[in-house]
PDB file of N, CA and C in Angstrom:
ATOM      1  N   MET A   1     115.009  99.455 121.098  1.00  0.00           N
ATOM      2  CA  MET A   1     115.506 100.886 120.979  1.00  0.00           C
ATOM      3  C   MET A   1     116.986 100.841 120.482  1.00  0.00           C
ATOM      4  N   THR A   2     117.261 101.899 119.547  1.00  0.00           N
ATOM      5  CA  THR A   2     118.519 102.016 119.130  1.00  0.00           C
ATOM      6  C   THR A   2     119.371 102.966 119.939  1.00  0.00           C
ATOM      7  N   CYS A   3     120.654 103.013 119.863  1.00  0.00           N
ATOM      8  CA  CYS A   3     121.543 104.077 120.538  1.00  0.00           C
ATOM      9  C   CYS A   3     121.106 105.223 120.037  1.00  0.00           C
ATOM     10  N   THR A   4     120.807 105.533 118.910  1.00  0.00           N
ATOM     11  CA  THR A   4     120.420 106.952 118.329  1.00  0.00           C
ATOM     12  C   THR A   4     119.047 107.321 119.092  1.00  0.00           C
ATOM     13  N   GLU A   5     118.080 106.535 119.321  1.00  0.00           N
ATOM     14  CA  GLU A   5     116.759 106.700 119.986  1.00  0.00           C
ATOM     15  C   GLU A   5     117.353 107.002 121.465  1.00  0.00           C
ATOM     16  N   PHE A   6     118.102 106.298 122.027  1.00  0.00           N
ATOM     17  CA  PHE A   6     118.549 106.527 123.417  1.00  0.00           C
ATOM     18  C   PHE A   6     119.105 107.822 123.637  1.00  0.00           C
ATOM     19  N   LEU A   7     120.100 108.233 122.674  1.00  0.00           N
ATOM     20  CA  LEU A   7     120.784 109.448 122.785  1.00  0.00           C
ATOM     21  C   LEU A   7     119.783 110.664 122.557  1.00  0.00           C
ATOM     22  N   ALA A   8     118.796 110.434 121.757  1.00  0.00           N
ATOM     23  CA  ALA A   8     117.768 111.557 121.657  1.00  0.00           C
ATOM     24  C   ALA A   8     117.094 111.801 122.933  1.00  0.00           C
ATOM     25  N   MET A   9     116.881 110.766 123.763  1.00  0.00           N
ATOM     26  CA  MET A   9     116.291 110.969 125.027  1.00  0.00           C
ATOM     27  C   MET A   9     117.041 111.144 126.192  1.00  0.00           C
ATOM     28  N   LEU A  10     118.406 111.149 126.020  1.00  0.00           N
ATOM     29  CA  LEU A  10     119.338 111.334 127.158  1.00  0.00           C
ATOM     30  C   LEU A  10     118.991 112.711 127.943  1.00  0.00           C
ATOM     31  N   ASP A  11     118.714 113.701 127.353  1.00  0.00           N
ATOM     32  CA  ASP A  11     118.561 115.038 128.133  1.00  0.00           C
ATOM     33  C   ASP A  11     117.220 114.678 129.123  1.00  0.00           C
ATOM     34  N   ASP A  12     116.202 114.165 128.456  1.00  0.00           N
ATOM     35  CA  ASP A  12     114.959 113.925 129.176  1.00  0.00           C
ATOM     36  C   ASP A  12     114.983 113.017 130.217  1.00  0.00           C
ATOM     37  N   LEU A  13     115.951 111.881 130.093  1.00  0.00           N
ATOM     38  CA  LEU A  13     116.240 110.888 131.059  1.00  0.00           C
ATOM     39  C   LEU A  13     116.899 111.583 132.167  1.00  0.00           C
ATOM     40  N   ILE A  14     117.957 112.339 131.869  1.00  0.00           N
ATOM     41  CA  ILE A  14     118.740 113.037 133.019  1.00  0.00           C
ATOM     42  C   ILE A  14     117.891 114.024 133.794  1.00  0.00           C
ATOM     43  N   ASP A  15     117.071 114.764 132.999  1.00  0.00           N
ATOM     44  CA  ASP A  15     116.126 115.859 133.673  1.00  0.00           C
ATOM     45  C   ASP A  15     114.843 115.120 134.424  1.00  0.00           C
ATOM     46  N   ASP A  16     114.788 113.792 134.218  1.00  0.00           N
ATOM     47  CA  ASP A  16     113.691 113.146 134.870  1.00  0.00           C
ATOM     48  C   ASP A  16     112.372 113.510 134.298  1.00  0.00           C
ATOM     49  N   SER A  17     112.278 113.691 132.987  1.00  0.00           N
ATOM     50  CA  SER A  17     111.052 114.204 132.363  1.00  0.00           C
ATOM     51  C   SER A  17     110.679 113.126 131.410  1.00  0.00           C
ATOM     52  N   VAL A  18     110.684 111.837 131.622  1.00  0.00           N
ATOM     53  CA  VAL A  18     110.190 110.762 130.666  1.00  0.00           C
ATOM     54  C   VAL A  18     109.019 110.184 131.433  1.00  0.00           C
ATOM     55  N   THR A  19     108.349 109.418 130.550  1.00  0.00           N
ATOM     56  CA  THR A  19     107.086 108.696 131.097  1.00  0.00           C
ATOM     57  C   THR A  19     107.784 107.458 131.730  1.00  0.00           C
ATOM     58  N   THR A  20     106.935 106.829 132.643  1.00  0.00           N
ATOM     59  CA  THR A  20     107.328 105.534 133.245  1.00  0.00           C
ATOM     60  C   THR A  20     107.674 104.492 132.209  1.00  0.00           C
ATOM     61  N   GLU A  21     106.814 104.468 131.226  1.00  0.00           N
ATOM     62  CA  GLU A  21     106.971 103.396 130.043  1.00  0.00           C
ATOM     63  C   GLU A  21     108.389 103.793 129.348  1.00  0.00           C
ATOM     64  N   MET A  22     108.621 105.090 128.981  1.00  0.00           N
ATOM     65  CA  MET A  22     109.793 105.396 128.307  1.00  0.00           C
ATOM     66  C   MET A  22     111.040 105.088 129.320  1.00  0.00           C
ATOM     67  N   ARG A  23     110.898 105.315 130.544  1.00  0.00           N
ATOM     68  CA  ARG A  23     112.027 105.000 131.347  1.00  0.00           C
ATOM     69  C   ARG A  23     112.335 103.609 131.410  1.00  0.00           C
ATOM     70  N   ALA A  24     111.378 102.693 131.357  1.00  0.00           N
ATOM     71  CA  ALA A  24     111.458 101.282 131.285  1.00  0.00           C
ATOM     72  C   ALA A  24     112.229 101.019 129.918  1.00  0.00           C
ATOM     73  N   ASP A  25     111.717 101.486 128.843  1.00  0.00           N
ATOM     74  CA  ASP A  25     112.424 101.285 127.578  1.00  0.00           C
ATOM     75  C   ASP A  25     113.921 101.692 127.540  1.00  0.00           C
ATOM     76  N   LEU A  26     114.150 102.880 128.092  1.00  0.00           N
ATOM     77  CA  LEU A  26     115.626 103.270 128.199  1.00  0.00           C
ATOM     78  C   LEU A  26     116.377 102.375 129.176  1.00  0.00           C
ATOM     79  N   GLN A  27     115.890 101.999 130.296  1.00  0.00           N
ATOM     80  CA  GLN A  27     116.579 101.003 131.164  1.00  0.00           C
ATOM     81  C   GLN A  27     116.788  99.641 130.506  1.00  0.00           C
ATOM     82  N   GLU A  28     115.894  99.183 129.699  1.00  0.00           N
ATOM     83  CA  GLU A  28     116.129  98.046 128.993  1.00  0.00           C
ATOM     84  C   GLU A  28     117.289  98.178 127.916  1.00  0.00           C
ATOM     85  N   HIS A  29     117.309  99.335 127.425  1.00  0.00           N
ATOM     86  CA  HIS A  29     118.397  99.386 126.398  1.00  0.00           C
ATOM     87  C   HIS A  29     119.711  99.413 127.118  1.00  0.00           C
ATOM     88  N   LEU A  30     119.758 100.228 128.299  1.00  0.00           N
ATOM     89  CA  LEU A  30     121.082 100.207 129.006  1.00  0.00           C
ATOM     90  C   LEU A  30     121.504  98.870 129.417  1.00  0.00           C
ATOM     91  N   ARG A  31     120.569  97.884 129.821  1.00  0.00           N
ATOM     92  CA  ARG A  31     121.047  96.674 130.242  1.00  0.00           C
ATOM     93  C   ARG A  31     121.806  95.926 129.120  1.00  0.00           C
ATOM     94  N   GLY A  32     121.535  96.261 127.801  1.00  0.00           N
ATOM     95  CA  GLY A  32     122.275  95.566 126.947  1.00  0.00           C
ATOM     96  C   GLY A  32     123.251  96.395 126.002  1.00  0.00           C
ATOM     97  N   CYS A  33     123.480  97.558 126.434  1.00  0.00           N
ATOM     98  CA  CYS A  33     124.347  98.472 125.682  1.00  0.00           C
ATOM     99  C   CYS A  33     125.334  99.213 126.553  1.00  0.00           C
ATOM    100  N   GLU A  34     126.502  98.572 126.680  1.00  0.00           N
ATOM    101  CA  GLU A  34     127.537  99.264 127.451  1.00  0.00           C
ATOM    102  C   GLU A  34     127.922 100.690 127.068  1.00  0.00           C
ATOM    103  N   HIS A  35     128.101 100.857 125.727  1.00  0.00           N
ATOM    104  CA  HIS A  35     128.278 102.251 125.165  1.00  0.00           C
ATOM    105  C   HIS A  35     127.283 103.225 125.826  1.00  0.00           C
ATOM    106  N   CYS A  36     125.991 103.080 125.670  1.00  0.00           N
ATOM    107  CA  CYS A  36     125.037 104.021 126.278  1.00  0.00           C
ATOM    108  C   CYS A  36     125.157 104.148 127.655  1.00  0.00           C
ATOM    109  N   GLU A  37     125.434 103.056 128.335  1.00  0.00           N
ATOM    110  CA  GLU A  37     125.515 103.067 129.866  1.00  0.00           C
ATOM    111  C   GLU A  37     126.811 103.999 130.239  1.00  0.00           C
ATOM    112  N   VAL A  38     127.904 103.862 129.526  1.00  0.00           N
ATOM    113  CA  VAL A  38     128.976 104.739 129.820  1.00  0.00           C
ATOM    114  C   VAL A  38     128.714 106.135 129.388  1.00  0.00           C
ATOM    115  N   THR A  39     128.068 106.443 128.269  1.00  0.00           N
ATOM    116  CA  THR A  39     127.605 107.637 127.953  1.00  0.00           C
ATOM    117  C   THR A  39     126.718 108.257 129.014  1.00  0.00           C
ATOM    118  N   LEU A  40     125.778 107.709 129.434  1.00  0.00           N
ATOM    119  CA  LEU A  40     124.848 108.175 130.532  1.00  0.00           C
ATOM    120  C   LEU A  40     125.643 108.487 131.688  1.00  0.00           C
ATOM    121  N   ASN A  41     126.548 107.564 132.241  1.00  0.00           N
ATOM    122  CA  ASN A  41     127.348 107.844 133.445  1.00  0.00           C
ATOM    123  C   ASN A  41     128.265 109.033 133.311  1.00  0.00           C
ATOM    124  N   THR A  42     128.827 109.142 132.184  1.00  0.00           N
ATOM    125  CA  THR A  42     129.863 110.028 131.941  1.00  0.00           C
ATOM    126  C   THR A  42     129.134 111.456 131.877  1.00  0.00           C
ATOM    127  N   THR A  43     127.999 111.488 131.272  1.00  0.00           N
ATOM    128  CA  THR A  43     127.206 112.693 131.164  1.00  0.00           C
ATOM    129  C   THR A  43     126.765 113.237 132.594  1.00  0.00           C
ATOM    130  N   ARG A  44     126.267 112.266 133.398  1.00  0.00           N
ATOM    131  CA  ARG A  44     125.820 112.670 134.854  1.00  0.00           C
ATOM    132  C   ARG A  44     127.047 113.122 135.729  1.00  0.00           C
ATOM    133  N   LYS A  45     128.229 112.391 135.489  1.00  0.00           N
ATOM    134  CA  LYS A  45     129.299 112.851 136.125  1.00  0.00           C
ATOM    135  C   LYS A  45     129.743 114.198 135.923  1.00  0.00           C
ATOM    136  N   THR A  46     129.830 114.613 134.364  1.00  0.00           N
ATOM    137  CA  THR A  46     130.217 115.715 133.916  1.00  0.00           C
ATOM    138  C   THR A  46     129.306 116.894 134.425  1.00  0.00           C
ATOM    139  N   ILE A  47     128.069 116.539 134.545  1.00  0.00           N
ATOM    140  CA  ILE A  47     127.052 117.529 135.101  1.00  0.00           C
ATOM    141  C   ILE A  47     127.303 117.707 136.547  1.00  0.00           C
ATOM    142  N   GLN A  48     127.680 116.818 137.287  1.00  0.00           N
ATOM    143  CA  GLN A  48     127.971 116.804 138.828  1.00  0.00           C
ATOM    144  C   GLN A  48     129.275 117.620 138.847  1.00  0.00           C
ATOM    145  N   ILE A  49     130.317 117.425 138.116  1.00  0.00           N
ATOM    146  CA  ILE A  49     131.511 118.249 138.123  1.00  0.00           C
ATOM    147  C   ILE A  49     131.323 119.652 137.794  1.00  0.00           C
ATOM    148  N   TYR A  50     130.466 119.953 136.756  1.00  0.00           N
ATOM    149  CA  TYR A  50     130.193 121.137 136.383  1.00  0.00           C
ATOM    150  C   TYR A  50     129.555 121.991 137.347  1.00  0.00           C
ATOM    151  N   ARG A  51     128.401 121.497 138.067  1.00  0.00           N
ATOM    152  CA  ARG A  51     127.738 122.049 139.062  1.00  0.00           C
ATOM    153  C   ARG A  51     128.511 122.340 140.212  1.00  0.00           C
ATOM    154  N   SER A  52     129.553 121.649 140.565  1.00  0.00           N
ATOM    155  CA  SER A  52     130.357 121.766 141.759  1.00  0.00           C
ATOM    156  C   SER A  52     131.347 122.914 141.522  1.00  0.00           C
ATOM    157  N   HIS A  53     131.647 123.519 140.358  1.00  0.00           N
ATOM    158  CA  HIS A  53     132.613 124.430 140.094  1.00  0.00           C
ATOM    159  C   HIS A  53     131.961 125.662 139.532  1.00  0.00           C
ATOM    160  N   GLU A  54     132.697 126.611 139.194  1.00  0.00           N
ATOM    161  CA  GLU A  54     132.228 127.994 138.750  1.00  0.00           C
ATOM    162  C   GLU A  54     131.505 127.751 137.451  1.00  0.00           C
ATOM    163  N   ILE A  55     130.320 128.377 137.377  1.00  0.00           N
ATOM    164  CA  ILE A  55     129.483 128.336 136.175  1.00  0.00           C
ATOM    165  C   ILE A  55     130.123 129.253 134.988  1.00  0.00           C
ATOM    166  N   TYR A  56     130.086 128.882 133.805  1.00  0.00           N
ATOM    167  CA  TYR A  56     130.563 129.594 132.642  1.00  0.00           C
ATOM    168  C   TYR A  56     129.746 129.333 131.592  1.00  0.00           C
ATOM    169  N   ASP A  57     129.634 130.375 130.716  1.00  0.00           N
ATOM    170  CA  ASP A  57     129.003 130.125 129.375  1.00  0.00           C
ATOM    171  C   ASP A  57     129.702 129.318 128.463  1.00  0.00           C
ATOM    172  N   MET A  58     128.926 128.469 127.741  1.00  0.00           N
ATOM    173  CA  MET A  58     129.518 127.760 126.671  1.00  0.00           C
ATOM    174  C   MET A  58     129.777 128.538 125.435  1.00  0.00           C
ATOM    175  N   PRO A  59     130.756 128.434 124.722  1.00  0.00           N
ATOM    176  CA  PRO A  59     130.935 129.343 123.468  1.00  0.00           C
ATOM    177  C   PRO A  59     129.735 128.920 122.425  1.00  0.00           C
ATOM    178  N   PRO A  60     129.267 129.930 121.725  1.00  0.00           N
ATOM    179  CA  PRO A  60     128.212 129.576 120.745  1.00  0.00           C
ATOM    180  C   PRO A  60     128.483 128.248 119.809  1.00  0.00           C
ATOM    181  N   GLY A  61     127.405 127.430 119.908  1.00  0.00           N
ATOM    182  CA  GLY A  61     127.611 126.370 118.937  1.00  0.00           C
ATOM    183  C   GLY A  61     128.235 125.142 119.563  1.00  0.00           C
ATOM    184  N   LEU A  62     128.904 125.260 120.788  1.00  0.00           N
ATOM    185  CA  LEU A  62     129.531 124.064 121.371  1.00  0.00           C
ATOM    186  C   LEU A  62     128.547 123.005 121.622  1.00  0.00           C
ATOM    187  N   ARG A  63     127.585 123.253 122.188  1.00  0.00           N
ATOM    188  CA  ARG A  63     126.491 122.196 122.611  1.00  0.00           C
ATOM    189  C   ARG A  63     126.176 121.396 121.259  1.00  0.00           C
ATOM    190  N   GLU A  64     125.856 122.091 120.217  1.00  0.00           N
ATOM    191  CA  GLU A  64     125.378 121.466 119.026  1.00  0.00           C
ATOM    192  C   GLU A  64     126.524 120.609 118.319  1.00  0.00           C
ATOM    193  N   ARG A  65     127.864 121.210 118.504  1.00  0.00           N
ATOM    194  CA  ARG A  65     128.934 120.406 117.907  1.00  0.00           C
ATOM    195  C   ARG A  65     129.140 119.074 118.733  1.00  0.00           C
ATOM    196  N   LEU A  66     129.055 119.249 120.139  1.00  0.00           N
ATOM    197  CA  LEU A  66     129.263 118.314 120.992  1.00  0.00           C
ATOM    198  C   LEU A  66     128.163 116.991 120.761  1.00  0.00           C
ATOM    199  N   HIS A  67     126.981 117.459 120.644  1.00  0.00           N
ATOM    200  CA  HIS A  67     125.831 116.540 120.223  1.00  0.00           C
ATOM    201  C   HIS A  67     126.073 115.915 119.047  1.00  0.00           C
ATOM    202  N   ALA A  68     126.384 116.503 117.985  1.00  0.00           N
ATOM    203  CA  ALA A  68     126.703 115.992 116.665  1.00  0.00           C
ATOM    204  C   ALA A  68     127.804 115.162 116.765  1.00  0.00           C
ATOM    205  N   ALA A  69     128.826 115.280 117.496  1.00  0.00           N
ATOM    206  CA  ALA A  69     130.092 114.418 117.633  1.00  0.00           C
ATOM    207  C   ALA A  69     129.572 113.205 118.171  1.00  0.00           C
ATOM    208  N   ILE A  70     128.888 113.331 119.271  1.00  0.00           N
ATOM    209  CA  ILE A  70     128.351 112.026 120.072  1.00  0.00           C
ATOM    210  C   ILE A  70     127.502 111.141 119.119  1.00  0.00           C
ATOM    211  N   MET A  71     126.656 111.776 118.455  1.00  0.00           N
ATOM    212  CA  MET A  71     125.702 111.149 117.520  1.00  0.00           C
ATOM    213  C   MET A  71     126.430 110.460 116.360  1.00  0.00           C
ATOM    214  N   ALA A  72     127.485 111.126 115.966  1.00  0.00           N
ATOM    215  CA  ALA A  72     128.281 110.559 114.799  1.00  0.00           C
ATOM    216  C   ALA A  72     129.146 109.318 115.269  1.00  0.00           C
ATOM    217  N   ARG A  73     129.651 109.471 116.521  1.00  0.00           N
ATOM    218  CA  ARG A  73     130.359 108.308 117.101  1.00  0.00           C
ATOM    219  C   ARG A  73     129.460 107.165 117.413  1.00  0.00           C
ATOM    220  N   CYS A  74     128.200 107.423 117.858  1.00  0.00           N
ATOM    221  CA  CYS A  74     127.302 106.423 118.231  1.00  0.00           C
ATOM    222  C   CYS A  74     126.856 105.596 116.974  1.00  0.00           C
ATOM    223  N   LYS A  75     126.679 106.213 115.948  1.00  0.00           N
ATOM    224  CA  LYS A  75     126.306 105.677 114.597  1.00  0.00           C
ATOM    225  C   LYS A  75     127.309 104.668 114.108  1.00  0.00           C
ATOM    226  N   LYS A  76     128.637 105.020 114.433  1.00  0.00           N
ATOM    227  CA  LYS A  76     129.774 104.248 113.856  1.00  0.00           C
ATOM    228  C   LYS A  76     129.796 103.147 114.816  1.00  0.00           C
ATOM    229  N   GLY A  77     129.581 103.079 116.143  1.00  0.00           N
ATOM    230  CA  GLY A  77     129.781 102.193 117.088  1.00  0.00           C
ATOM    231  C   GLY A  77     128.565 101.279 117.383  1.00  0.00           C
ATOM    232  N   CYS A  78     127.326 101.617 116.979  1.00  0.00           N
ATOM    233  CA  CYS A  78     126.175 100.894 117.406  1.00  0.00           C
ATOM    234  C   CYS A  78     125.464 100.324 116.138  1.00  0.00           C
TER     235      CYS A  78
END
């Protein structure tokens, strides 16, 4: 599994909506990729912080720009 494939499944992993087989593939990738492990942990922590504070709407396009920036960085580093 590549970092790009991992990142494409990140939402499903966090939402616990992946198959047992896919979860095993994702966990295997994490064992060998510190970058994706940090990304997963940071994303989980961000969600935890966000949920513990006032909820607000993201500006239009922010999610897409954020995702594109993460994907671009991953392609450079992996």
